[in-house]
Amino acid sequence: MKLRVEPMTAADIPAVHDIERASFPVPWPAYAFRQELETNKLARYLVVRAGPRTVAYGGIWLMVDEAHVTTFAVLPSWRRRGIGARLMLALMDLSLEVGANVVTLEVRLSNIPARMLYQRFGFRPVGVRPRYYSDNGEDALIMTTDPIGSPAMLARVAALRERFEQEDTAEGSTGRRPATDPAATADGPTTGRAEA
């Protein structure tokens, strides 16, 4: 099925909130997404659609020259299909469009699949926020990229984009994803959250 990445609108909030509740032990309330869309001038959010269904979402805040990934989740029944990787690619593109120099995020230390996905996109650990997650007090690993407009980062993103296009072509001709697709396995429980 063809995936589309589009800006989130208020009409997406019910579906996004369903993904939120299925993905996080302490979900944001639906009104928080409405406030983000309507009043937070720093915020930009995207959704991924598979046909008419919204299956993933993610967002950034542009803070000076840093795009901070605030939230990122794929509907559990749609994980392990490379959707998280495609959404991250779109967030990287969006970060460049809004003038960010680097992209940062927090991820649970225990979330190895998400950390592997982020590393594919050039994120590297730069610190730890102790007891960051309110549900269990788990530490958050802070990850950031090199400058996203640098030749090395642009080449990394271009290579990932080309690979996804090749996979889409292969999937279209066979009806299934290539067995060697790391995007199909790297985003198992891919969720990320900058929680207060």
N, C-alpha and C. Protein backbone atom coordinates (compact mmCIF):
# COMPACT_ATOMS: atom_id res chain seq x y z
N MET A 1 0.83 -1.18 0.00
CA MET A 1 0.00 0.00 0.00
C MET A 1 0.88 1.25 0.00
N LYS A 2 0.52 2.21 -0.78
CA LYS A 2 1.28 3.45 -0.90
C LYS A 2 1.16 4.27 0.39
N LEU A 3 2.32 4.71 0.90
CA LEU A 3 2.35 5.55 2.08
C LEU A 3 2.47 7.00 1.66
N ARG A 4 1.79 7.88 2.40
CA ARG A 4 1.88 9.32 2.17
C ARG A 4 2.22 9.99 3.48
N VAL A 5 3.17 10.91 3.45
CA VAL A 5 3.51 11.71 4.63
C VAL A 5 2.98 13.10 4.37
N GLU A 6 2.15 13.59 5.30
CA GLU A 6 1.49 14.88 5.12
C GLU A 6 1.51 15.66 6.43
N PRO A 7 1.34 16.98 6.36
CA PRO A 7 1.22 17.76 7.59
C PRO A 7 0.00 17.33 8.39
N MET A 8 0.14 17.27 9.70
CA MET A 8 -0.98 16.94 10.57
C MET A 8 -1.95 18.11 10.61
N THR A 9 -3.25 17.79 10.61
CA THR A 9 -4.29 18.80 10.76
C THR A 9 -5.15 18.43 11.97
N ALA A 10 -6.04 19.34 12.34
CA ALA A 10 -6.94 19.07 13.46
C ALA A 10 -7.79 17.83 13.20
N ALA A 11 -8.11 17.55 11.95
CA ALA A 11 -8.92 16.37 11.62
C ALA A 11 -8.18 15.08 11.93
N ASP A 12 -6.84 15.13 12.02
CA ASP A 12 -6.04 13.94 12.31
C ASP A 12 -5.98 13.61 13.80
N ILE A 13 -6.39 14.53 14.65
CA ILE A 13 -6.17 14.36 16.09
C ILE A 13 -6.79 13.07 16.64
N PRO A 14 -8.03 12.68 16.32
CA PRO A 14 -8.55 11.43 16.87
C PRO A 14 -7.68 10.21 16.52
N ALA A 15 -7.25 10.09 15.27
CA ALA A 15 -6.41 8.96 14.87
C ALA A 15 -5.05 9.03 15.53
N VAL A 16 -4.48 10.24 15.61
CA VAL A 16 -3.18 10.41 16.26
C VAL A 16 -3.29 10.05 17.74
N HIS A 17 -4.38 10.44 18.37
CA HIS A 17 -4.55 10.13 19.79
C HIS A 17 -4.70 8.62 19.99
N ASP A 18 -5.32 7.91 19.07
CA ASP A 18 -5.38 6.44 19.15
C ASP A 18 -3.98 5.84 19.11
N ILE A 19 -3.13 6.34 18.20
CA ILE A 19 -1.75 5.86 18.12
C ILE A 19 -1.01 6.20 19.40
N GLU A 20 -1.22 7.40 19.90
CA GLU A 20 -0.59 7.87 21.14
C GLU A 20 -0.92 6.94 22.30
N ARG A 21 -2.20 6.63 22.47
CA ARG A 21 -2.63 5.76 23.59
C ARG A 21 -2.08 4.35 23.44
N ALA A 22 -1.93 3.89 22.21
CA ALA A 22 -1.41 2.54 21.98
C ALA A 22 0.11 2.46 22.13
N SER A 23 0.79 3.62 22.13
CA SER A 23 2.24 3.64 22.08
C SER A 23 2.93 4.06 23.38
N PHE A 24 2.26 4.84 24.21
CA PHE A 24 2.93 5.41 25.38
C PHE A 24 2.18 5.10 26.67
N PRO A 25 2.92 4.78 27.73
CA PRO A 25 2.26 4.50 29.00
C PRO A 25 1.63 5.74 29.62
N VAL A 26 2.13 6.92 29.30
CA VAL A 26 1.54 8.18 29.76
C VAL A 26 1.25 9.02 28.52
N PRO A 27 0.10 8.79 27.89
CA PRO A 27 -0.18 9.49 26.62
C PRO A 27 -0.51 10.95 26.84
N TRP A 28 -0.20 11.75 25.82
CA TRP A 28 -0.65 13.13 25.81
C TRP A 28 -2.17 13.12 25.64
N PRO A 29 -2.87 14.04 26.25
CA PRO A 29 -4.31 14.15 25.98
C PRO A 29 -4.53 14.73 24.59
N ALA A 30 -5.70 14.46 24.03
CA ALA A 30 -6.00 14.94 22.67
C ALA A 30 -5.88 16.45 22.57
N TYR A 31 -6.28 17.18 23.62
CA TYR A 31 -6.23 18.64 23.55
C TYR A 31 -4.79 19.15 23.42
N ALA A 32 -3.81 18.38 23.88
CA ALA A 32 -2.41 18.81 23.75
C ALA A 32 -2.02 18.91 22.28
N PHE A 33 -2.48 17.96 21.47
CA PHE A 33 -2.18 18.01 20.04
C PHE A 33 -2.86 19.22 19.39
N ARG A 34 -4.09 19.50 19.81
CA ARG A 34 -4.79 20.66 19.28
C ARG A 34 -4.03 21.95 19.62
N GLN A 35 -3.57 22.06 20.86
CA GLN A 35 -2.79 23.23 21.26
C GLN A 35 -1.50 23.34 20.46
N GLU A 36 -0.84 22.21 20.25
CA GLU A 36 0.40 22.22 19.47
C GLU A 36 0.15 22.75 18.07
N LEU A 37 -0.94 22.28 17.44
CA LEU A 37 -1.24 22.70 16.07
C LEU A 37 -1.72 24.14 15.98
N GLU A 38 -2.49 24.58 16.96
CA GLU A 38 -3.13 25.89 16.86
C GLU A 38 -2.35 27.03 17.49
N THR A 39 -1.54 26.75 18.52
CA THR A 39 -0.92 27.87 19.24
C THR A 39 0.60 27.82 19.32
N ASN A 40 1.22 26.68 19.10
CA ASN A 40 2.67 26.58 19.24
C ASN A 40 3.34 26.90 17.90
N LYS A 41 3.85 28.12 17.78
CA LYS A 41 4.48 28.54 16.52
C LYS A 41 5.81 27.83 16.26
N LEU A 42 6.36 27.15 17.28
CA LEU A 42 7.61 26.40 17.11
C LEU A 42 7.38 24.99 16.58
N ALA A 43 6.13 24.53 16.62
CA ALA A 43 5.82 23.12 16.37
C ALA A 43 5.45 22.85 14.91
N ARG A 44 5.89 21.69 14.42
CA ARG A 44 5.50 21.16 13.12
C ARG A 44 5.27 19.66 13.30
N TYR A 45 4.12 19.17 12.83
CA TYR A 45 3.78 17.77 12.98
C TYR A 45 3.42 17.15 11.63
N LEU A 46 3.77 15.89 11.48
CA LEU A 46 3.49 15.13 10.27
C LEU A 46 2.72 13.86 10.63
N VAL A 47 1.95 13.36 9.69
CA VAL A 47 1.30 12.05 9.82
C VAL A 47 1.68 11.20 8.61
N VAL A 48 1.63 9.89 8.80
CA VAL A 48 1.83 8.94 7.71
C VAL A 48 0.50 8.25 7.48
N ARG A 49 0.05 8.25 6.23
CA ARG A 49 -1.20 7.60 5.87
C ARG A 49 -0.91 6.38 4.99
N ALA A 50 -1.62 5.32 5.27
CA ALA A 50 -1.64 4.13 4.41
C ALA A 50 -3.06 4.05 3.88
N GLY A 51 -3.24 4.47 2.64
CA GLY A 51 -4.60 4.63 2.14
C GLY A 51 -5.26 5.73 2.97
N PRO A 52 -6.49 5.49 3.46
CA PRO A 52 -7.17 6.52 4.25
C PRO A 52 -6.79 6.50 5.73
N ARG A 53 -6.04 5.49 6.15
CA ARG A 53 -5.76 5.31 7.58
C ARG A 53 -4.47 6.01 8.01
N THR A 54 -4.52 6.73 9.13
CA THR A 54 -3.34 7.34 9.71
C THR A 54 -2.64 6.29 10.57
N VAL A 55 -1.36 5.99 10.26
CA VAL A 55 -0.67 4.89 10.93
C VAL A 55 0.55 5.33 11.73
N ALA A 56 0.94 6.60 11.60
CA ALA A 56 2.11 7.08 12.34
C ALA A 56 2.06 8.61 12.38
N TYR A 57 2.80 9.16 13.33
CA TYR A 57 2.92 10.61 13.41
C TYR A 57 4.22 10.96 14.10
N GLY A 58 4.67 12.17 13.88
CA GLY A 58 5.85 12.67 14.55
C GLY A 58 5.86 14.18 14.49
N GLY A 59 6.64 14.78 15.38
CA GLY A 59 6.68 16.23 15.40
C GLY A 59 8.01 16.77 15.85
N ILE A 60 8.25 18.01 15.49
CA ILE A 60 9.46 18.72 15.91
C ILE A 60 9.07 20.08 16.45
N TRP A 61 9.93 20.61 17.29
CA TRP A 61 9.91 22.01 17.67
C TRP A 61 11.18 22.62 17.13
N LEU A 62 11.08 23.75 16.48
CA LEU A 62 12.26 24.47 16.02
C LEU A 62 12.65 25.45 17.12
N MET A 63 13.77 25.20 17.76
CA MET A 63 14.26 26.05 18.85
C MET A 63 15.59 26.64 18.41
N VAL A 64 15.56 27.90 18.04
CA VAL A 64 16.69 28.62 17.46
C VAL A 64 17.10 27.88 16.18
N ASP A 65 18.21 27.14 16.19
CA ASP A 65 18.61 26.42 14.98
C ASP A 65 18.59 24.91 15.19
N GLU A 66 17.84 24.46 16.19
CA GLU A 66 17.76 23.03 16.50
C GLU A 66 16.33 22.54 16.32
N ALA A 67 16.18 21.46 15.55
CA ALA A 67 14.89 20.79 15.45
C ALA A 67 14.88 19.69 16.51
N HIS A 68 13.97 19.82 17.46
CA HIS A 68 13.88 18.85 18.54
C HIS A 68 12.68 17.95 18.28
N VAL A 69 12.92 16.64 18.12
CA VAL A 69 11.83 15.69 17.89
C VAL A 69 11.08 15.55 19.21
N THR A 70 9.82 16.00 19.23
CA THR A 70 9.03 15.99 20.46
C THR A 70 8.29 14.68 20.67
N THR A 71 7.84 14.08 19.59
CA THR A 71 7.10 12.83 19.69
C THR A 71 7.16 12.12 18.34
N PHE A 72 7.05 10.78 18.40
CA PHE A 72 7.27 9.96 17.22
C PHE A 72 6.70 8.58 17.53
N ALA A 73 5.71 8.13 16.77
CA ALA A 73 5.13 6.81 17.06
C ALA A 73 4.49 6.22 15.82
N VAL A 74 4.52 4.90 15.77
CA VAL A 74 3.89 4.12 14.70
C VAL A 74 2.85 3.22 15.36
N LEU A 75 1.66 3.15 14.77
CA LEU A 75 0.61 2.28 15.29
C LEU A 75 1.15 0.86 15.43
N PRO A 76 0.97 0.22 16.59
CA PRO A 76 1.59 -1.11 16.81
C PRO A 76 1.34 -2.13 15.69
N SER A 77 0.14 -2.17 15.15
CA SER A 77 -0.14 -3.17 14.10
C SER A 77 0.53 -2.84 12.77
N TRP A 78 1.15 -1.64 12.65
CA TRP A 78 1.82 -1.24 11.42
C TRP A 78 3.34 -1.17 11.58
N ARG A 79 3.84 -1.61 12.71
CA ARG A 79 5.29 -1.57 12.93
C ARG A 79 5.96 -2.68 12.14
N ARG A 80 7.29 -2.56 12.01
CA ARG A 80 8.13 -3.53 11.30
C ARG A 80 7.85 -3.54 9.79
N ARG A 81 7.45 -2.38 9.27
CA ARG A 81 7.20 -2.22 7.83
C ARG A 81 8.00 -1.07 7.24
N GLY A 82 8.92 -0.50 8.01
CA GLY A 82 9.72 0.60 7.51
C GLY A 82 9.05 1.96 7.60
N ILE A 83 7.87 2.02 8.23
CA ILE A 83 7.14 3.28 8.33
C ILE A 83 7.89 4.27 9.21
N GLY A 84 8.46 3.79 10.33
CA GLY A 84 9.22 4.68 11.21
C GLY A 84 10.39 5.31 10.49
N ALA A 85 11.06 4.53 9.65
CA ALA A 85 12.21 5.07 8.91
C ALA A 85 11.76 6.13 7.91
N ARG A 86 10.65 5.90 7.24
CA ARG A 86 10.16 6.88 6.28
C ARG A 86 9.69 8.16 6.98
N LEU A 87 9.09 8.00 8.15
CA LEU A 87 8.67 9.17 8.91
C LEU A 87 9.89 9.96 9.38
N MET A 88 10.92 9.28 9.83
CA MET A 88 12.13 9.98 10.26
C MET A 88 12.76 10.73 9.09
N LEU A 89 12.76 10.13 7.91
CA LEU A 89 13.27 10.81 6.72
C LEU A 89 12.48 12.10 6.47
N ALA A 90 11.17 12.04 6.60
CA ALA A 90 10.34 13.22 6.39
C ALA A 90 10.60 14.28 7.46
N LEU A 91 10.85 13.86 8.70
CA LEU A 91 11.17 14.82 9.76
C LEU A 91 12.54 15.48 9.51
N MET A 92 13.48 14.71 8.96
CA MET A 92 14.78 15.29 8.61
C MET A 92 14.60 16.33 7.49
N ASP A 93 13.80 16.00 6.49
CA ASP A 93 13.52 16.95 5.41
C ASP A 93 12.85 18.21 5.95
N LEU A 94 11.87 18.03 6.83
CA LEU A 94 11.17 19.15 7.43
C LEU A 94 12.12 20.02 8.24
N SER A 95 13.03 19.39 8.96
CA SER A 95 14.02 20.13 9.75
C SER A 95 14.88 21.02 8.86
N LEU A 96 15.29 20.49 7.73
CA LEU A 96 16.05 21.31 6.77
C LEU A 96 15.21 22.47 6.24
N GLU A 97 13.95 22.18 5.92
CA GLU A 97 13.06 23.21 5.36
C GLU A 97 12.87 24.38 6.31
N VAL A 98 12.80 24.10 7.62
CA VAL A 98 12.54 25.17 8.58
C VAL A 98 13.82 25.84 9.06
N GLY A 99 14.96 25.43 8.52
CA GLY A 99 16.22 26.10 8.81
C GLY A 99 16.99 25.58 10.01
N ALA A 100 16.71 24.36 10.42
CA ALA A 100 17.46 23.79 11.54
C ALA A 100 18.88 23.43 11.12
N ASN A 101 19.78 23.50 12.06
CA ASN A 101 21.16 23.10 11.82
C ASN A 101 21.38 21.64 12.24
N VAL A 102 20.79 21.24 13.36
CA VAL A 102 20.89 19.88 13.87
C VAL A 102 19.51 19.40 14.29
N VAL A 103 19.39 18.08 14.49
CA VAL A 103 18.17 17.48 15.00
C VAL A 103 18.53 16.74 16.27
N THR A 104 17.73 16.92 17.33
CA THR A 104 17.96 16.22 18.59
C THR A 104 16.69 15.51 19.02
N LEU A 105 16.85 14.57 19.94
CA LEU A 105 15.72 13.85 20.50
C LEU A 105 16.15 13.16 21.79
N GLU A 106 15.16 12.72 22.54
CA GLU A 106 15.40 11.84 23.68
C GLU A 106 14.75 10.50 23.38
N VAL A 107 15.37 9.43 23.87
CA VAL A 107 14.83 8.09 23.69
C VAL A 107 15.15 7.29 24.95
N ARG A 108 14.25 6.41 25.32
CA ARG A 108 14.51 5.55 26.48
C ARG A 108 15.78 4.73 26.24
N LEU A 109 16.59 4.62 27.27
CA LEU A 109 17.80 3.80 27.15
C LEU A 109 17.45 2.37 26.74
N SER A 110 16.32 1.86 27.19
CA SER A 110 15.94 0.47 26.91
C SER A 110 15.37 0.27 25.51
N ASN A 111 15.07 1.33 24.77
CA ASN A 111 14.42 1.19 23.47
C ASN A 111 15.47 1.02 22.36
N ILE A 112 16.03 -0.15 22.33
CA ILE A 112 17.12 -0.46 21.38
C ILE A 112 16.66 -0.35 19.92
N PRO A 113 15.47 -0.87 19.54
CA PRO A 113 15.06 -0.73 18.14
C PRO A 113 14.98 0.73 17.68
N ALA A 114 14.43 1.61 18.53
CA ALA A 114 14.35 3.03 18.16
C ALA A 114 15.75 3.63 18.07
N ARG A 115 16.61 3.29 19.02
CA ARG A 115 17.97 3.83 18.99
C ARG A 115 18.69 3.40 17.70
N MET A 116 18.48 2.16 17.27
CA MET A 116 19.10 1.68 16.03
C MET A 116 18.58 2.46 14.83
N LEU A 117 17.27 2.72 14.82
CA LEU A 117 16.69 3.52 13.74
C LEU A 117 17.33 4.90 13.71
N TYR A 118 17.41 5.55 14.85
CA TYR A 118 17.97 6.90 14.89
C TYR A 118 19.44 6.90 14.47
N GLN A 119 20.18 5.88 14.85
CA GLN A 119 21.59 5.81 14.45
C GLN A 119 21.73 5.70 12.94
N ARG A 120 20.80 5.02 12.28
CA ARG A 120 20.83 4.93 10.82
C ARG A 120 20.75 6.31 10.19
N PHE A 121 20.07 7.23 10.88
CA PHE A 121 19.89 8.58 10.38
C PHE A 121 20.97 9.53 10.86
N GLY A 122 22.02 9.01 11.49
CA GLY A 122 23.14 9.83 11.89
C GLY A 122 23.06 10.41 13.28
N PHE A 123 22.06 10.00 14.06
CA PHE A 123 22.00 10.45 15.45
C PHE A 123 23.06 9.72 16.26
N ARG A 124 23.67 10.43 17.20
CA ARG A 124 24.65 9.81 18.08
C ARG A 124 24.37 10.25 19.51
N PRO A 125 24.70 9.42 20.49
CA PRO A 125 24.46 9.79 21.89
C PRO A 125 25.36 10.96 22.30
N VAL A 126 24.76 11.92 23.03
CA VAL A 126 25.53 13.05 23.53
C VAL A 126 25.32 13.29 25.03
N GLY A 127 24.43 12.52 25.65
CA GLY A 127 24.20 12.71 27.08
C GLY A 127 23.04 11.87 27.57
N VAL A 128 22.79 11.97 28.86
CA VAL A 128 21.69 11.23 29.49
C VAL A 128 20.92 12.20 30.37
N ARG A 129 19.58 12.09 30.34
CA ARG A 129 18.73 12.83 31.27
C ARG A 129 18.24 11.82 32.31
N PRO A 130 18.78 11.89 33.53
CA PRO A 130 18.40 10.91 34.56
C PRO A 130 16.91 11.00 34.92
N ARG A 131 16.30 9.82 35.10
CA ARG A 131 14.91 9.69 35.55
C ARG A 131 13.95 10.57 34.74
N TYR A 132 14.13 10.62 33.46
CA TYR A 132 13.41 11.53 32.58
C TYR A 132 11.95 11.14 32.36
N TYR A 133 11.68 9.84 32.27
CA TYR A 133 10.34 9.38 31.92
C TYR A 133 9.49 9.22 33.18
N SER A 134 8.34 9.90 33.17
CA SER A 134 7.52 10.00 34.37
C SER A 134 6.83 8.69 34.76
N ASP A 135 6.64 7.76 33.83
CA ASP A 135 5.92 6.53 34.17
C ASP A 135 6.75 5.57 35.01
N ASN A 136 8.07 5.52 34.76
CA ASN A 136 8.90 4.56 35.51
C ASN A 136 10.25 5.13 35.93
N GLY A 137 10.48 6.39 35.68
CA GLY A 137 11.74 7.01 36.09
C GLY A 137 12.94 6.60 35.28
N GLU A 138 12.71 5.99 34.11
CA GLU A 138 13.83 5.56 33.26
C GLU A 138 14.60 6.76 32.73
N ASP A 139 15.91 6.56 32.56
CA ASP A 139 16.75 7.60 31.98
C ASP A 139 16.47 7.73 30.48
N ALA A 140 16.68 8.94 29.97
CA ALA A 140 16.58 9.19 28.53
C ALA A 140 17.97 9.42 27.96
N LEU A 141 18.23 8.80 26.83
CA LEU A 141 19.46 9.05 26.09
C LEU A 141 19.20 10.23 25.17
N ILE A 142 20.05 11.25 25.24
CA ILE A 142 19.96 12.39 24.34
C ILE A 142 20.79 12.06 23.11
N MET A 143 20.18 12.20 21.94
CA MET A 143 20.88 11.93 20.69
C MET A 143 20.76 13.15 19.79
N THR A 144 21.79 13.40 19.01
CA THR A 144 21.78 14.53 18.08
C THR A 144 22.52 14.14 16.81
N THR A 145 22.29 14.93 15.78
CA THR A 145 22.96 14.71 14.50
C THR A 145 24.11 15.70 14.36
N ASP A 146 24.97 15.43 13.39
CA ASP A 146 25.90 16.45 12.91
C ASP A 146 25.04 17.48 12.15
N PRO A 147 25.61 18.59 11.74
CA PRO A 147 24.83 19.56 10.96
C PRO A 147 24.13 18.88 9.77
N ILE A 148 22.80 19.06 9.71
CA ILE A 148 22.04 18.31 8.71
C ILE A 148 22.24 18.83 7.29
N GLY A 149 22.80 20.01 7.17
CA GLY A 149 23.11 20.54 5.84
C GLY A 149 24.52 20.21 5.39
N SER A 150 25.28 19.46 6.23
CA SER A 150 26.65 19.11 5.86
C SER A 150 26.64 18.08 4.74
N PRO A 151 27.71 18.03 3.95
CA PRO A 151 27.75 17.04 2.86
C PRO A 151 27.55 15.60 3.35
N ALA A 152 28.14 15.27 4.49
CA ALA A 152 28.01 13.89 4.99
C ALA A 152 26.57 13.56 5.35
N MET A 153 25.87 14.48 6.03
CA MET A 153 24.48 14.21 6.41
C MET A 153 23.56 14.22 5.19
N LEU A 154 23.80 15.14 4.28
CA LEU A 154 22.98 15.17 3.06
C LEU A 154 23.16 13.88 2.27
N ALA A 155 24.39 13.37 2.22
CA ALA A 155 24.65 12.11 1.51
C ALA A 155 23.97 10.94 2.21
N ARG A 156 24.00 10.93 3.55
CA ARG A 156 23.35 9.85 4.31
C ARG A 156 21.84 9.83 4.02
N VAL A 157 21.22 11.00 4.10
CA VAL A 157 19.78 11.08 3.87
C VAL A 157 19.44 10.73 2.42
N ALA A 158 20.25 11.17 1.48
CA ALA A 158 20.01 10.85 0.07
C ALA A 158 20.11 9.34 -0.17
N ALA A 159 21.09 8.68 0.48
CA ALA A 159 21.25 7.24 0.32
C ALA A 159 20.05 6.49 0.90
N LEU A 160 19.55 6.94 2.06
CA LEU A 160 18.36 6.31 2.65
C LEU A 160 17.14 6.53 1.76
N ARG A 161 16.99 7.73 1.23
CA ARG A 161 15.86 8.02 0.34
C ARG A 161 15.91 7.12 -0.90
N GLU A 162 17.10 6.98 -1.49
CA GLU A 162 17.25 6.12 -2.67
C GLU A 162 16.90 4.67 -2.33
N ARG A 163 17.36 4.23 -1.17
CA ARG A 163 17.06 2.85 -0.77
C ARG A 163 15.56 2.63 -0.62
N PHE A 164 14.86 3.60 0.00
CA PHE A 164 13.41 3.47 0.16
C PHE A 164 12.72 3.44 -1.19
N GLU A 165 13.18 4.27 -2.13
CA GLU A 165 12.58 4.27 -3.46
C GLU A 165 12.79 2.93 -4.16
N GLN A 166 13.98 2.35 -4.00
CA GLN A 166 14.24 1.03 -4.57
C GLN A 166 13.35 -0.03 -3.93
N GLU A 167 13.19 0.05 -2.62
CA GLU A 167 12.34 -0.91 -1.91
C GLU A 167 10.89 -0.78 -2.34
N ASP A 168 10.43 0.47 -2.53
CA ASP A 168 9.06 0.68 -2.98
C ASP A 168 8.86 0.06 -4.35
N THR A 169 9.86 0.19 -5.22
CA THR A 169 9.79 -0.41 -6.55
C THR A 169 9.76 -1.93 -6.44
N ALA A 170 10.64 -2.50 -5.59
CA ALA A 170 10.67 -3.96 -5.40
C ALA A 170 9.38 -4.45 -4.79
N GLU A 171 8.85 -3.72 -3.84
CA GLU A 171 7.60 -4.11 -3.20
C GLU A 171 6.45 -4.07 -4.20
N GLY A 172 6.46 -3.03 -5.06
CA GLY A 172 5.41 -2.92 -6.06
C GLY A 172 5.42 -4.07 -7.04
N SER A 173 6.61 -4.58 -7.36
CA SER A 173 6.68 -5.67 -8.34
C SER A 173 6.42 -7.03 -7.73
N THR A 174 6.67 -7.18 -6.40
CA THR A 174 6.48 -8.49 -5.76
C THR A 174 5.31 -8.52 -4.80
N GLY A 175 4.84 -7.31 -4.40
CA GLY A 175 3.76 -7.26 -3.43
C GLY A 175 4.21 -7.38 -1.99
N ARG A 176 5.53 -7.46 -1.75
CA ARG A 176 6.02 -7.53 -0.36
C ARG A 176 7.37 -6.86 -0.26
N ARG A 177 7.76 -6.56 0.98
CA ARG A 177 9.02 -5.88 1.23
C ARG A 177 10.18 -6.86 1.06
N PRO A 178 11.35 -6.38 0.59
CA PRO A 178 12.51 -7.25 0.49
C PRO A 178 12.87 -7.83 1.85
N ALA A 179 13.27 -9.10 1.88
CA ALA A 179 13.58 -9.77 3.14
C ALA A 179 14.78 -9.16 3.84
N THR A 180 15.66 -8.51 3.13
CA THR A 180 16.86 -7.95 3.74
C THR A 180 16.67 -6.49 4.15
N ASP A 181 15.46 -6.01 4.17
CA ASP A 181 15.20 -4.60 4.47
C ASP A 181 15.38 -4.32 5.96
N PRO A 182 16.46 -3.60 6.36
CA PRO A 182 16.62 -3.31 7.76
C PRO A 182 15.54 -2.38 8.28
N ALA A 183 14.92 -1.59 7.42
CA ALA A 183 13.83 -0.73 7.89
C ALA A 183 12.64 -1.55 8.34
N ALA A 184 12.52 -2.77 7.83
CA ALA A 184 11.41 -3.61 8.23
C ALA A 184 11.62 -4.19 9.62
N THR A 185 12.84 -4.21 10.11
CA THR A 185 13.08 -4.78 11.42
C THR A 185 13.56 -3.75 12.44
N ALA A 186 14.09 -2.64 11.98
CA ALA A 186 14.68 -1.68 12.92
C ALA A 186 13.64 -0.87 13.66
N ASP A 187 12.41 -0.83 13.16
CA ASP A 187 11.44 -0.01 13.86
C ASP A 187 10.35 -0.83 14.52
N GLY A 188 10.72 -1.94 15.12
CA GLY A 188 9.78 -2.75 15.86
C GLY A 188 8.93 -1.90 16.78
N PRO A 189 9.33 -1.67 18.02
CA PRO A 189 8.54 -0.82 18.89
C PRO A 189 8.98 0.64 18.80
N THR A 190 9.10 1.16 17.62
CA THR A 190 9.63 2.50 17.47
C THR A 190 8.66 3.53 18.00
N THR A 191 9.02 4.09 19.12
CA THR A 191 8.33 5.25 19.65
C THR A 191 9.37 6.12 20.30
N GLY A 192 9.17 7.37 20.23
CA GLY A 192 10.08 8.29 20.89
C GLY A 192 9.27 9.40 21.51
N ARG A 193 9.73 9.95 22.61
CA ARG A 193 8.95 10.99 23.25
C ARG A 193 9.85 11.86 24.09
N ALA A 194 9.67 13.12 23.93
CA ALA A 194 10.28 14.06 24.85
C ALA A 194 9.25 14.36 25.91
N GLU A 195 9.30 13.64 26.99
CA GLU A 195 8.31 13.80 28.06
C GLU A 195 8.84 14.67 29.17
N ALA A 196 7.97 15.48 29.74
CA ALA A 196 8.37 16.32 30.86
C ALA A 196 8.44 15.51 32.13
